[in-house]
C-alpha cells in the first residue's frame, strides 16, 4: 500500500466519491491485492453510525466486498462518544479483513484524524486531511463545474423540488396533449427532434434549471417523448451525446411531471450523470425513479450495469438501442405517410 492509500488521502476523496459530504457515517473502503505491496481501490460503502451493530455479511456472494482482500474503516462524527465504540475488539466483529478504523469529526481540509483501532503495525496513528478540493475524486466535479452536496439529504432534495412556474392546469393540458400527439402519423418523432434541439440550446446557453422550468414548449415536447417507451429510447443517444445539458433538461422535466414521465426523466438523468463522469449521482436518481414507478425497467437496467461499474458498456448499449428505436420510428413514419 502506498501513501495514496493513507487515511487522510482516502478521507479527502470521500465527498467526490459519494457526491456529498458524509456526516455521522461509517465508511468501508475496499482494496484488491495486485502484486507485492500494491493494492487497487474497490467498492466504497457508507452506513449511518447507528447501523453499526446491524452491518451485513460482507463475505456474502451478493456483497460488493465479497472479493476484497483488505478493508479500511472510517468513522466520521463530531460526537467523540460515537467514536469510542471502535476499539480493537470491534474490528473482527465487523470483518476480519479490516486492518483499522480511523476517526475524524468531519471531512474538511486540515481536519484531524486518528487511529481508533488497528490490526497490525501502521504509521498512520494521527494526521490531517489534505485538500479536499484537490483530491483525485474531485477532478470530474471540477470538469462539470459542480460540487458535491453538503450532506446526503441534499443529494435527494434536488429531485423533490417542484416546478412553481407550471400550474396544475398547464401540466394537465400538456399530458393530455401528449396522448393526442402520439396518434399523429410521425408517431411523435417530431417531438424527439424538438427536444434534442432544446438540449442543444441548453448546452449553448448553459440555461439554468429555472429557465428550463419556464420553457413550456420544452416541457410539452418532453411530455410527448416520455409518454412512450420507443420515443424515450430514441432520445437516449442525444442524452448521452450532450450529458451536461441533457442532465439539466431531464431534471427540469422530472420536477415538472409525475408518474411515468417523471420516472423516465429520472432514468435519463441518471444516464446523463454517468455520461458526465459523475456516476455517483445516478444512484439517487434511480432510487427516486423506482419510488415513483416500482419496477421501472430502464432504471433497474441502469442499476445493474452501474452496480458492476460497467459505465462505458452501459452507455454504448443504450446508444445502440436508441439508434435502433429511431430507425423503427422513421420506418413507421414513412409507412404512415
C-alpha atoms as a PDB file:
ATOM      1  CA  UNK A   1       0.000   0.000   0.000  1.00  0.00           C
ATOM      2  CA  UNK A   2       1.259   3.494  -0.788  1.00  0.00           C
ATOM      3  CA  UNK A   3       0.724   6.962   0.615  1.00  0.00           C
ATOM      4  CA  UNK A   4      -2.051   7.312  -1.960  1.00  0.00           C
ATOM      5  CA  UNK A   5      -3.998   4.914   0.232  1.00  0.00           C
ATOM      6  CA  UNK A   6      -3.275   6.562   3.569  1.00  0.00           C
ATOM      7  CA  UNK A   7      -6.267   7.573   5.729  1.00  0.00           C
ATOM      8  CA  UNK A   8      -6.023  11.297   5.035  1.00  0.00           C
ATOM      9  CA  UNK A   9      -5.948  10.797   1.271  1.00  0.00           C
ATOM     10  CA  UNK A  10      -8.929   8.452   1.387  1.00  0.00           C
ATOM     11  CA  UNK A  11     -10.956  10.749   3.649  1.00  0.00           C
ATOM     12  CA  UNK A  12     -10.327  13.702   1.311  1.00  0.00           C
ATOM     13  CA  UNK A  13     -11.688  11.658  -1.597  1.00  0.00           C
ATOM     14  CA  UNK A  14     -14.958  10.577   0.055  1.00  0.00           C
ATOM     15  CA  UNK A  15     -17.082  13.648  -0.880  1.00  0.00           C
ATOM     16  CA  UNK A  16     -16.172  13.276  -4.536  1.00  0.00           C
ATOM     17  CA  UNK A  17     -16.822   9.532  -4.475  1.00  0.00           C
ATOM     18  CA  UNK A  18     -20.220   9.810  -2.769  1.00  0.00           C
ATOM     19  CA  UNK A  19     -21.450  13.084  -4.242  1.00  0.00           C
ATOM     20  CA  UNK A  20     -21.943  14.509  -0.745  1.00  0.00           C
ATOM     21  CA  UNK A  21     -20.029  15.123   2.477  1.00  0.00           C
ATOM     22  CA  UNK A  22     -20.752  12.206   4.818  1.00  0.00           C
ATOM     23  CA  UNK A  23     -21.670  13.021   8.421  1.00  0.00           C
ATOM     24  CA  UNK A  24     -22.276  10.611  11.308  1.00  0.00           C
ATOM     25  CA  UNK A  25     -21.179   7.830   8.999  1.00  0.00           C
ATOM     26  CA  UNK A  26     -19.167   4.630   8.996  1.00  0.00           C
ATOM     27  CA  UNK A  27     -17.379   4.114   5.687  1.00  0.00           C
ATOM     28  CA  UNK A  28     -15.643   0.970   4.473  1.00  0.00           C
ATOM     29  CA  UNK A  29     -13.067   1.320   1.689  1.00  0.00           C
ATOM     30  CA  UNK A  30     -12.081  -1.936  -0.010  1.00  0.00           C
ATOM     31  CA  UNK A  31      -8.945  -2.950  -1.888  1.00  0.00           C
ATOM     32  CA  UNK A  32      -7.898  -5.844  -4.101  1.00  0.00           C
ATOM     33  CA  UNK A  33      -4.307  -7.066  -3.924  1.00  0.00           C
ATOM     34  CA  UNK A  34      -2.370  -6.736  -7.194  1.00  0.00           C
ATOM     35  CA  UNK A  35       1.253  -7.668  -6.535  1.00  0.00           C
ATOM     36  CA  UNK A  36       3.941  -7.042  -3.951  1.00  0.00           C
ATOM     37  CA  UNK A  37       2.650  -4.192  -1.789  1.00  0.00           C
ATOM     38  CA  UNK A  38       0.266  -2.732  -4.360  1.00  0.00           C
ATOM     39  CA  UNK A  39      -3.495  -2.618  -3.995  1.00  0.00           C
ATOM     40  CA  UNK A  40      -6.308  -1.428  -6.241  1.00  0.00           C
ATOM     41  CA  UNK A  41      -9.210   0.599  -4.866  1.00  0.00           C
ATOM     42  CA  UNK A  42     -12.516  -1.273  -4.908  1.00  0.00           C
ATOM     43  CA  UNK A  43     -16.090  -0.519  -3.805  1.00  0.00           C
ATOM     44  CA  UNK A  44     -16.644   2.075  -1.071  1.00  0.00           C
ATOM     45  CA  UNK A  45     -19.689   1.658   1.176  1.00  0.00           C
ATOM     46  CA  UNK A  46     -21.288   4.076   3.653  1.00  0.00           C
ATOM     47  CA  UNK A  47     -23.554   3.326   6.607  1.00  0.00           C
ATOM     48  CA  UNK A  48     -25.186   5.513   9.226  1.00  0.00           C
ATOM     49  CA  UNK A  49     -23.292   5.263  12.510  1.00  0.00           C
ATOM     50  CA  UNK A  50     -26.395   3.993  14.275  1.00  0.00           C
ATOM     51  CA  UNK A  51     -26.387   0.993  11.894  1.00  0.00           C
ATOM     52  CA  UNK A  52     -23.012  -0.225  13.103  1.00  0.00           C
ATOM     53  CA  UNK A  53     -24.490  -3.111  15.107  1.00  0.00           C
ATOM     54  CA  UNK A  54     -26.526  -4.346  12.126  1.00  0.00           C
ATOM     55  CA  UNK A  55     -23.990  -4.403   9.314  1.00  0.00           C
ATOM     56  CA  UNK A  56     -24.485  -7.037   6.588  1.00  0.00           C
ATOM     57  CA  UNK A  57     -22.197 -10.001   5.967  1.00  0.00           C
ATOM     58  CA  UNK A  58     -19.510  -8.583   3.707  1.00  0.00           C
ATOM     59  CA  UNK A  59     -18.317 -12.085   2.777  1.00  0.00           C
ATOM     60  CA  UNK A  60     -21.661 -12.994   1.215  1.00  0.00           C
ATOM     61  CA  UNK A  61     -21.730 -13.638  -2.523  1.00  0.00           C
ATOM     62  CA  UNK A  62     -24.110 -10.723  -3.050  1.00  0.00           C
ATOM     63  CA  UNK A  63     -21.850  -8.277  -1.202  1.00  0.00           C
ATOM     64  CA  UNK A  64     -19.767  -5.881  -3.325  1.00  0.00           C
ATOM     65  CA  UNK A  65     -16.957  -6.514  -0.815  1.00  0.00           C
ATOM     66  CA  UNK A  66     -17.003 -10.302  -1.213  1.00  0.00           C
ATOM     67  CA  UNK A  67     -13.785 -10.406  -3.277  1.00  0.00           C
ATOM     68  CA  UNK A  68     -11.912  -7.664  -1.418  1.00  0.00           C
ATOM     69  CA  UNK A  69      -8.549  -8.546   0.115  1.00  0.00           C
ATOM     70  CA  UNK A  70      -8.240  -5.623   2.506  1.00  0.00           C
ATOM     71  CA  UNK A  71     -10.636  -3.172   4.134  1.00  0.00           C
ATOM     72  CA  UNK A  72     -10.142   0.176   5.856  1.00  0.00           C
ATOM     73  CA  UNK A  73     -12.832   1.737   8.025  1.00  0.00           C
ATOM     74  CA  UNK A  74     -13.622   5.374   8.770  1.00  0.00           C
ATOM     75  CA  UNK A  75     -15.927   6.702  11.474  1.00  0.00           C
ATOM     76  CA  UNK A  76     -16.992  10.304  10.903  1.00  0.00           C
ATOM     77  CA  UNK A  77     -18.717  12.175  13.719  1.00  0.00           C
ATOM     78  CA  UNK A  78     -18.338  15.324  15.790  1.00  0.00           C
ATOM     79  CA  UNK A  79     -19.611  13.302  18.760  1.00  0.00           C
ATOM     80  CA  UNK A  80     -16.494  11.807  20.312  1.00  0.00           C
ATOM     81  CA  UNK A  81     -18.582   9.266  22.243  1.00  0.00           C
ATOM     82  CA  UNK A  82     -19.738   7.814  18.916  1.00  0.00           C
ATOM     83  CA  UNK A  83     -16.120   7.044  18.037  1.00  0.00           C
ATOM     84  CA  UNK A  84     -15.297   5.276  21.297  1.00  0.00           C
ATOM     85  CA  UNK A  85     -17.085   2.096  20.206  1.00  0.00           C
ATOM     86  CA  UNK A  86     -14.480   1.313  17.550  1.00  0.00           C
ATOM     87  CA  UNK A  87     -11.948  -0.359  19.817  1.00  0.00           C
ATOM     88  CA  UNK A  88      -9.734  -3.271  18.689  1.00  0.00           C
ATOM     89  CA  UNK A  89     -12.305  -5.842  19.808  1.00  0.00           C
ATOM     90  CA  UNK A  90     -14.774  -4.381  17.300  1.00  0.00           C
ATOM     91  CA  UNK A  91     -12.643  -4.997  14.189  1.00  0.00           C
ATOM     92  CA  UNK A  92     -13.134  -8.747  13.850  1.00  0.00           C
ATOM     93  CA  UNK A  93     -16.823  -8.467  14.663  1.00  0.00           C
ATOM     94  CA  UNK A  94     -17.193  -6.210  11.617  1.00  0.00           C
ATOM     95  CA  UNK A  95     -14.855  -8.106   9.261  1.00  0.00           C
ATOM     96  CA  UNK A  96     -11.537  -9.904   9.749  1.00  0.00           C
ATOM     97  CA  UNK A  97     -10.097  -8.162   6.667  1.00  0.00           C
ATOM     98  CA  UNK A  98     -10.440  -4.772   8.354  1.00  0.00           C
ATOM     99  CA  UNK A  99      -6.904  -3.507   9.053  1.00  0.00           C
ATOM    100  CA  UNK A 100      -8.026  -0.499  11.039  1.00  0.00           C
ATOM    101  CA  UNK A 101     -10.608   2.168  11.742  1.00  0.00           C
ATOM    102  CA  UNK A 102      -9.760   5.858  11.709  1.00  0.00           C
ATOM    103  CA  UNK A 103     -11.978   8.584  13.103  1.00  0.00           C
ATOM    104  CA  UNK A 104     -12.439  12.258  12.301  1.00  0.00           C
ATOM    105  CA  UNK A 105     -15.023  14.889  13.302  1.00  0.00           C
ATOM    106  CA  UNK A 106     -15.825  15.978   9.733  1.00  0.00           C
ATOM    107  CA  UNK A 107     -14.329  15.946   6.273  1.00  0.00           C
ATOM    108  CA  UNK A 108     -12.774  19.322   5.613  1.00  0.00           C
ATOM    109  CA  UNK A 109      -9.283  20.291   4.590  1.00  0.00           C
ATOM    110  CA  UNK A 110      -6.999  20.269   7.618  1.00  0.00           C
ATOM    111  CA  UNK A 111      -9.354  18.320   9.904  1.00  0.00           C
ATOM    112  CA  UNK A 112      -7.507  15.910  12.211  1.00  0.00           C
ATOM    113  CA  UNK A 113      -7.927  12.150  12.054  1.00  0.00           C
ATOM    114  CA  UNK A 114      -6.714   9.497  14.467  1.00  0.00           C
ATOM    115  CA  UNK A 115      -6.497   5.749  14.566  1.00  0.00           C
ATOM    116  CA  UNK A 116      -9.267   4.240  16.694  1.00  0.00           C
ATOM    117  CA  UNK A 117      -8.107   0.628  16.323  1.00  0.00           C
ATOM    118  CA  UNK A 118      -5.900  -1.433  14.040  1.00  0.00           C
ATOM    119  CA  UNK A 119      -4.772  -4.944  13.175  1.00  0.00           C
ATOM    120  CA  UNK A 120      -1.047  -4.752  12.500  1.00  0.00           C
ATOM    121  CA  UNK A 121       1.550  -2.017  12.587  1.00  0.00           C
ATOM    122  CA  UNK A 122       0.824   1.211  10.703  1.00  0.00           C
ATOM    123  CA  UNK A 123       2.428   4.623  10.804  1.00  0.00           C
ATOM    124  CA  UNK A 124      -0.913   6.381  10.376  1.00  0.00           C
ATOM    125  CA  UNK A 125      -1.804   6.916  14.040  1.00  0.00           C
ATOM    126  CA  UNK A 126      -2.715  10.583  13.554  1.00  0.00           C
ATOM    127  CA  UNK A 127      -2.737  13.091  10.748  1.00  0.00           C
ATOM    128  CA  UNK A 128      -4.734  15.753   8.964  1.00  0.00           C
ATOM    129  CA  UNK A 129      -6.949  15.586   5.900  1.00  0.00           C
ATOM    130  CA  UNK A 130      -5.266  17.113   2.819  1.00  0.00           C
ATOM    131  CA  UNK A 131      -7.036  19.398   0.360  1.00  0.00           C
ATOM    132  CA  UNK A 132     -10.495  18.038  -0.443  1.00  0.00           C
ATOM    133  CA  UNK A 133     -10.796  20.311  -3.482  1.00  0.00           C
ATOM    134  CA  UNK A 134      -7.545  18.908  -4.901  1.00  0.00           C
ATOM    135  CA  UNK A 135      -8.423  15.240  -4.356  1.00  0.00           C
ATOM    136  CA  UNK A 136      -8.481  12.877  -7.328  1.00  0.00           C
ATOM    137  CA  UNK A 137     -12.206  12.240  -6.967  1.00  0.00           C
ATOM    138  CA  UNK A 138     -12.926  15.965  -7.416  1.00  0.00           C
ATOM    139  CA  UNK A 139     -11.464  16.073 -10.942  1.00  0.00           C
ATOM    140  CA  UNK A 140     -14.731  15.146 -12.744  1.00  0.00           C
ATOM    141  CA  UNK A 141     -16.665  17.532 -10.493  1.00  0.00           C
ATOM    142  CA  UNK A 142     -14.409  20.428 -11.448  1.00  0.00           C
ATOM    143  CA  UNK A 143     -14.712  19.455 -15.122  1.00  0.00           C
ATOM    144  CA  UNK A 144     -18.506  19.504 -14.792  1.00  0.00           C
ATOM    145  CA  UNK A 145     -18.493  22.820 -12.916  1.00  0.00           C
ATOM    146  CA  UNK A 146     -20.221  21.266  -9.904  1.00  0.00           C
ATOM    147  CA  UNK A 147     -19.529  20.432  -6.267  1.00  0.00           C
ATOM    148  CA  UNK A 148     -20.679  17.593  -4.006  1.00  0.00           C
ATOM    149  CA  UNK A 149     -23.703  18.332  -1.823  1.00  0.00           C
ATOM    150  CA  UNK A 150     -23.186  19.331   1.807  1.00  0.00           C
ATOM    151  CA  UNK A 151     -24.943  16.190   3.067  1.00  0.00           C
ATOM    152  CA  UNK A 152     -26.827  13.115   1.867  1.00  0.00           C
ATOM    153  CA  UNK A 153     -30.286  14.632   2.295  1.00  0.00           C
ATOM    154  CA  UNK A 154     -29.391  17.487  -0.042  1.00  0.00           C
ATOM    155  CA  UNK A 155     -28.457  14.954  -2.708  1.00  0.00           C
ATOM    156  CA  UNK A 156     -32.033  13.649  -2.780  1.00  0.00           C
ATOM    157  CA  UNK A 157     -33.758  17.006  -2.306  1.00  0.00           C
ATOM    158  CA  UNK A 158     -32.910  18.052  -5.860  1.00  0.00           C
ATOM    159  CA  UNK A 159     -35.451  15.502  -7.093  1.00  0.00           C
ATOM    160  CA  UNK A 160     -38.175  16.620  -4.685  1.00  0.00           C
ATOM    161  CA  UNK A 161     -38.305  20.271  -5.727  1.00  0.00           C
ATOM    162  CA  UNK A 162     -41.328  21.339  -7.775  1.00  0.00           C
ATOM    163  CA  UNK A 163     -41.680  23.500 -10.858  1.00  0.00           C
ATOM    164  CA  UNK A 164     -43.530  26.506  -9.473  1.00  0.00           C
ATOM    165  CA  UNK A 165     -43.632  28.053 -12.961  1.00  0.00           C
ATOM    166  CA  UNK A 166     -46.037  25.373 -14.211  1.00  0.00           C
ATOM    167  CA  UNK A 167     -49.630  25.353 -12.955  1.00  0.00           C
ATOM    168  CA  UNK A 168     -51.617  22.180 -12.360  1.00  0.00           C
ATOM    169  CA  UNK A 169     -53.905  23.102 -15.254  1.00  0.00           C
ATOM    170  CA  UNK A 170     -50.965  23.629 -17.616  1.00  0.00           C
ATOM    171  CA  UNK A 171     -49.429  20.341 -16.543  1.00  0.00           C
ATOM    172  CA  UNK A 172     -52.694  18.500 -17.120  1.00  0.00           C
ATOM    173  CA  UNK A 173     -53.125  20.094 -20.553  1.00  0.00           C
ATOM    174  CA  UNK A 174     -49.602  19.076 -21.576  1.00  0.00           C
ATOM    175  CA  UNK A 175     -50.138  15.477 -20.518  1.00  0.00           C
ATOM    176  CA  UNK A 176     -53.458  15.308 -22.379  1.00  0.00           C
ATOM    177  CA  UNK A 177     -51.918  16.846 -25.496  1.00  0.00           C
ATOM    178  CA  UNK A 178     -49.098  14.304 -25.327  1.00  0.00           C
ATOM    179  CA  UNK A 179     -51.509  11.404 -25.764  1.00  0.00           C
ATOM    180  CA  UNK A 180     -53.036  13.127 -28.803  1.00  0.00           C
ATOM    181  CA  UNK A 181     -49.595  13.746 -30.330  1.00  0.00           C
ATOM    182  CA  UNK A 182     -48.778  10.050 -30.112  1.00  0.00           C
ATOM    183  CA  UNK A 183     -51.577   9.317 -32.580  1.00  0.00           C
ATOM    184  CA  UNK A 184     -50.048  11.549 -35.281  1.00  0.00           C
ATOM    185  CA  UNK A 185     -48.545   9.986 -38.441  1.00  0.00           C
ATOM    186  CA  UNK A 186     -44.929  10.556 -37.367  1.00  0.00           C
ATOM    187  CA  UNK A 187     -45.558   8.721 -34.102  1.00  0.00           C
ATOM    188  CA  UNK A 188     -44.147  11.619 -32.093  1.00  0.00           C
ATOM    189  CA  UNK A 189     -40.733  11.724 -33.771  1.00  0.00           C
ATOM    190  CA  UNK A 190     -41.089  15.476 -34.298  1.00  0.00           C
ATOM    191  CA  UNK A 191     -41.238  15.915 -30.527  1.00  0.00           C
ATOM    192  CA  UNK A 192     -37.998  13.928 -30.159  1.00  0.00           C
ATOM    193  CA  UNK A 193     -36.241  16.197 -32.652  1.00  0.00           C
ATOM    194  CA  UNK A 194     -37.635  19.304 -30.972  1.00  0.00           C
ATOM    195  CA  UNK A 195     -36.454  18.101 -27.568  1.00  0.00           C
ATOM    196  CA  UNK A 196     -32.991  17.336 -28.963  1.00  0.00           C
ATOM    197  CA  UNK A 197     -32.856  20.906 -30.264  1.00  0.00           C
ATOM    198  CA  UNK A 198     -33.809  22.127 -26.794  1.00  0.00           C
ATOM    199  CA  UNK A 199     -30.946  20.121 -25.295  1.00  0.00           C
ATOM    200  CA  UNK A 200     -28.535  21.641 -27.832  1.00  0.00           C
ATOM    201  CA  UNK A 201     -29.835  25.113 -26.956  1.00  0.00           C
ATOM    202  CA  UNK A 202     -29.423  24.411 -23.239  1.00  0.00           C
ATOM    203  CA  UNK A 203     -25.840  23.357 -23.940  1.00  0.00           C
ATOM    204  CA  UNK A 204     -25.088  26.534 -25.910  1.00  0.00           C
ATOM    205  CA  UNK A 205     -26.686  28.888 -23.391  1.00  0.00           C
ATOM    206  CA  UNK A 206     -25.904  26.943 -20.197  1.00  0.00           C
ATOM    207  CA  UNK A 207     -29.543  27.510 -19.272  1.00  0.00           C
ATOM    208  CA  UNK A 208     -30.167  27.094 -15.516  1.00  0.00           C
ATOM    209  CA  UNK A 209     -32.953  24.963 -14.072  1.00  0.00           C
ATOM    210  CA  UNK A 210     -35.295  27.927 -13.555  1.00  0.00           C
ATOM    211  CA  UNK A 211     -35.095  28.865 -17.247  1.00  0.00           C
ATOM    212  CA  UNK A 212     -35.865  25.287 -18.235  1.00  0.00           C
ATOM    213  CA  UNK A 213     -38.809  25.205 -15.828  1.00  0.00           C
ATOM    214  CA  UNK A 214     -40.175  28.283 -17.587  1.00  0.00           C
ATOM    215  CA  UNK A 215     -39.829  26.770 -21.075  1.00  0.00           C
ATOM    216  CA  UNK A 216     -43.295  25.316 -21.585  1.00  0.00           C
ATOM    217  CA  UNK A 217     -42.555  24.344 -25.183  1.00  0.00           C
ATOM    218  CA  UNK A 218     -39.684  22.165 -23.970  1.00  0.00           C
ATOM    219  CA  UNK A 219     -41.861  20.631 -21.267  1.00  0.00           C
ATOM    220  CA  UNK A 220     -44.677  19.926 -23.729  1.00  0.00           C
ATOM    221  CA  UNK A 221     -42.275  18.099 -26.057  1.00  0.00           C
ATOM    222  CA  UNK A 222     -40.852  16.160 -23.115  1.00  0.00           C
ATOM    223  CA  UNK A 223     -44.354  15.102 -22.077  1.00  0.00           C
ATOM    224  CA  UNK A 224     -44.853  13.583 -25.529  1.00  0.00           C
ATOM    225  CA  UNK A 225     -41.477  11.851 -25.723  1.00  0.00           C
ATOM    226  CA  UNK A 226     -41.565  10.444 -22.201  1.00  0.00           C
ATOM    227  CA  UNK A 227     -45.114   9.164 -22.544  1.00  0.00           C
ATOM    228  CA  UNK A 228     -43.914   6.485 -24.970  1.00  0.00           C
ATOM    229  CA  UNK A 229     -41.076   3.995 -24.448  1.00  0.00           C
ATOM    230  CA  UNK A 230     -39.943   3.934 -28.084  1.00  0.00           C
ATOM    231  CA  UNK A 231     -39.785   7.737 -28.220  1.00  0.00           C
ATOM    232  CA  UNK A 232     -37.921   7.768 -24.920  1.00  0.00           C
ATOM    233  CA  UNK A 233     -35.412   5.274 -26.266  1.00  0.00           C
ATOM    234  CA  UNK A 234     -34.949   7.314 -29.454  1.00  0.00           C
ATOM    235  CA  UNK A 235     -33.980  10.290 -27.276  1.00  0.00           C
ATOM    236  CA  UNK A 236     -31.283   8.426 -25.346  1.00  0.00           C
ATOM    237  CA  UNK A 237     -28.487   8.835 -27.914  1.00  0.00           C
ATOM    238  CA  UNK A 238     -28.900  12.605 -27.719  1.00  0.00           C
ATOM    239  CA  UNK A 239     -28.804  12.486 -23.924  1.00  0.00           C
ATOM    240  CA  UNK A 240     -25.539  10.532 -23.975  1.00  0.00           C
ATOM    241  CA  UNK A 241     -24.072  12.883 -26.597  1.00  0.00           C
ATOM    242  CA  UNK A 242     -24.857  16.042 -24.575  1.00  0.00           C
ATOM    243  CA  UNK A 243     -24.831  14.763 -20.977  1.00  0.00           C
ATOM    244  CA  UNK A 244     -24.303  18.058 -19.159  1.00  0.00           C
ATOM    245  CA  UNK A 245     -27.179  19.900 -20.814  1.00  0.00           C
ATOM    246  CA  UNK A 246     -29.375  16.803 -21.014  1.00  0.00           C
ATOM    247  CA  UNK A 247     -28.964  16.280 -17.276  1.00  0.00           C
ATOM    248  CA  UNK A 248     -30.333  19.755 -16.565  1.00  0.00           C
ATOM    249  CA  UNK A 249     -33.202  19.273 -19.019  1.00  0.00           C
ATOM    250  CA  UNK A 250     -34.175  15.894 -17.582  1.00  0.00           C
ATOM    251  CA  UNK A 251     -34.073  17.284 -14.037  1.00  0.00           C
ATOM    252  CA  UNK A 252     -36.407  20.083 -15.145  1.00  0.00           C
ATOM    253  CA  UNK A 253     -38.797  17.521 -16.642  1.00  0.00           C
ATOM    254  CA  UNK A 254     -38.606  15.185 -13.636  1.00  0.00           C
ATOM    255  CA  UNK A 255     -39.544  18.023 -11.292  1.00  0.00           C
ATOM    256  CA  UNK A 256     -42.416  19.143 -13.533  1.00  0.00           C
ATOM    257  CA  UNK A 257     -44.397  15.925 -14.044  1.00  0.00           C
ATOM    258  CA  UNK A 258     -45.497  12.898 -12.015  1.00  0.00           C
ATOM    259  CA  UNK A 259     -45.776   9.214 -12.865  1.00  0.00           C
ATOM    260  CA  UNK A 260     -44.155   7.608 -15.869  1.00  0.00           C
ATOM    261  CA  UNK A 261     -42.882  10.878 -17.328  1.00  0.00           C
ATOM    262  CA  UNK A 262     -41.040  11.626 -14.082  1.00  0.00           C
ATOM    263  CA  UNK A 263     -39.618   8.096 -13.805  1.00  0.00           C
ATOM    264  CA  UNK A 264     -38.371   8.114 -17.407  1.00  0.00           C
ATOM    265  CA  UNK A 265     -36.827  11.572 -16.947  1.00  0.00           C
ATOM    266  CA  UNK A 266     -35.029  10.447 -13.787  1.00  0.00           C
ATOM    267  CA  UNK A 267     -33.628   7.386 -15.571  1.00  0.00           C
ATOM    268  CA  UNK A 268     -32.345   9.569 -18.415  1.00  0.00           C
ATOM    269  CA  UNK A 269     -30.944  11.999 -15.836  1.00  0.00           C
ATOM    270  CA  UNK A 270     -29.018   9.056 -14.374  1.00  0.00           C
ATOM    271  CA  UNK A 271     -27.611   8.210 -17.818  1.00  0.00           C
ATOM    272  CA  UNK A 272     -26.623  11.844 -18.301  1.00  0.00           C
ATOM    273  CA  UNK A 273     -24.748  11.929 -14.989  1.00  0.00           C
ATOM    274  CA  UNK A 274     -22.905   8.742 -15.892  1.00  0.00           C
ATOM    275  CA  UNK A 275     -22.028  10.288 -19.244  1.00  0.00           C
ATOM    276  CA  UNK A 276     -20.768  13.403 -17.430  1.00  0.00           C
ATOM    277  CA  UNK A 277     -18.317  11.313 -15.417  1.00  0.00           C
ATOM    278  CA  UNK A 278     -20.368  11.596 -12.217  1.00  0.00           C
ATOM    279  CA  UNK A 279     -21.884   8.110 -11.851  1.00  0.00           C
ATOM    280  CA  UNK A 280     -22.319   8.563  -8.094  1.00  0.00           C
ATOM    281  CA  UNK A 281     -25.240  10.899  -8.902  1.00  0.00           C
ATOM    282  CA  UNK A 282     -27.068   8.182 -10.835  1.00  0.00           C
ATOM    283  CA  UNK A 283     -27.964   6.107  -7.765  1.00  0.00           C
ATOM    284  CA  UNK A 284     -30.245   8.646  -6.013  1.00  0.00           C
ATOM    285  CA  UNK A 285     -31.988   9.416  -9.317  1.00  0.00           C
ATOM    286  CA  UNK A 286     -32.643   5.724  -9.910  1.00  0.00           C
ATOM    287  CA  UNK A 287     -33.959   5.348  -6.370  1.00  0.00           C
ATOM    288  CA  UNK A 288     -36.362   8.237  -6.964  1.00  0.00           C
ATOM    289  CA  UNK A 289     -37.474   6.689 -10.268  1.00  0.00           C
ATOM    290  CA  UNK A 290     -38.285   3.298  -8.758  1.00  0.00           C
ATOM    291  CA  UNK A 291     -40.034   5.019  -5.870  1.00  0.00           C
ATOM    292  CA  UNK A 292     -42.223   6.794  -8.427  1.00  0.00           C
ATOM    293  CA  UNK A 293     -42.786   3.644 -10.518  1.00  0.00           C
ATOM    294  CA  UNK A 294     -41.822   0.434  -8.655  1.00  0.00           C
ATOM    295  CA  UNK A 295     -40.109  -1.989 -11.005  1.00  0.00           C
ATOM    296  CA  UNK A 296     -39.267   0.731 -13.541  1.00  0.00           C
ATOM    297  CA  UNK A 297     -37.409  -1.389 -16.093  1.00  0.00           C
ATOM    298  CA  UNK A 298     -34.956   1.158 -17.517  1.00  0.00           C
ATOM    299  CA  UNK A 299     -33.914   2.268 -14.031  1.00  0.00           C
ATOM    300  CA  UNK A 300     -33.358  -1.331 -12.972  1.00  0.00           C
ATOM    301  CA  UNK A 301     -31.283  -1.972 -16.109  1.00  0.00           C
ATOM    302  CA  UNK A 302     -29.093   1.053 -15.419  1.00  0.00           C
ATOM    303  CA  UNK A 303     -28.712  -0.019 -11.783  1.00  0.00           C
ATOM    304  CA  UNK A 304     -27.497  -3.490 -12.804  1.00  0.00           C
ATOM    305  CA  UNK A 305     -24.782  -2.039 -15.030  1.00  0.00           C
ATOM    306  CA  UNK A 306     -23.696   0.664 -12.578  1.00  0.00           C
ATOM    307  CA  UNK A 307     -23.503  -1.743  -9.637  1.00  0.00           C
ATOM    308  CA  UNK A 308     -20.806  -3.582 -11.604  1.00  0.00           C
ATOM    309  CA  UNK A 309     -19.045  -0.398 -12.680  1.00  0.00           C
ATOM    310  CA  UNK A 310     -19.806  -1.084 -16.360  1.00  0.00           C
ATOM    311  CA  UNK A 311     -20.389   2.546 -17.262  1.00  0.00           C
ATOM    312  CA  UNK A 312     -18.938   2.611 -20.775  1.00  0.00           C
ATOM    313  CA  UNK A 313     -20.629  -0.644 -21.723  1.00  0.00           C
ATOM    314  CA  UNK A 314     -23.942   0.745 -20.478  1.00  0.00           C
ATOM    315  CA  UNK A 315     -23.617   3.962 -22.479  1.00  0.00           C
ATOM    316  CA  UNK A 316     -22.663   2.019 -25.595  1.00  0.00           C
ATOM    317  CA  UNK A 317     -25.575  -0.401 -25.202  1.00  0.00           C
ATOM    318  CA  UNK A 318     -28.232   2.269 -24.661  1.00  0.00           C
ATOM    319  CA  UNK A 319     -26.874   4.364 -27.535  1.00  0.00           C
ATOM    320  CA  UNK A 320     -27.081   1.418 -29.916  1.00  0.00           C
ATOM    321  CA  UNK A 321     -30.607   0.686 -28.711  1.00  0.00           C
ATOM    322  CA  UNK A 322     -31.516   4.338 -29.182  1.00  0.00           C
ATOM    323  CA  UNK A 323     -30.392   4.372 -32.803  1.00  0.00           C
ATOM    324  CA  UNK A 324     -32.451   1.250 -33.494  1.00  0.00           C
ATOM    325  CA  UNK A 325     -35.503   2.849 -31.866  1.00  0.00           C
ATOM    326  CA  UNK A 326     -35.106   5.891 -34.093  1.00  0.00           C
ATOM    327  CA  UNK A 327     -34.896   3.705 -37.194  1.00  0.00           C
ATOM    328  CA  UNK A 328     -38.153   1.997 -36.209  1.00  0.00           C
ATOM    329  CA  UNK A 329     -39.862   5.355 -35.750  1.00  0.00           C
ATOM    330  CA  UNK A 330     -38.626   6.620 -39.104  1.00  0.00           C
ATOM    331  CA  UNK A 331     -39.845   3.438 -40.819  1.00  0.00           C
ATOM    332  CA  UNK A 332     -43.218   3.852 -39.115  1.00  0.00           C
ATOM    333  CA  UNK A 333     -43.439   7.457 -40.273  1.00  0.00           C
ATOM    334  CA  UNK A 334     -42.663   6.534 -43.871  1.00  0.00           C
ATOM    335  CA  UNK A 335     -45.307   3.800 -43.897  1.00  0.00           C
ATOM    336  CA  UNK A 336     -47.866   6.167 -42.395  1.00  0.00           C
ATOM    337  CA  UNK A 337     -47.151   8.941 -44.894  1.00  0.00           C
END
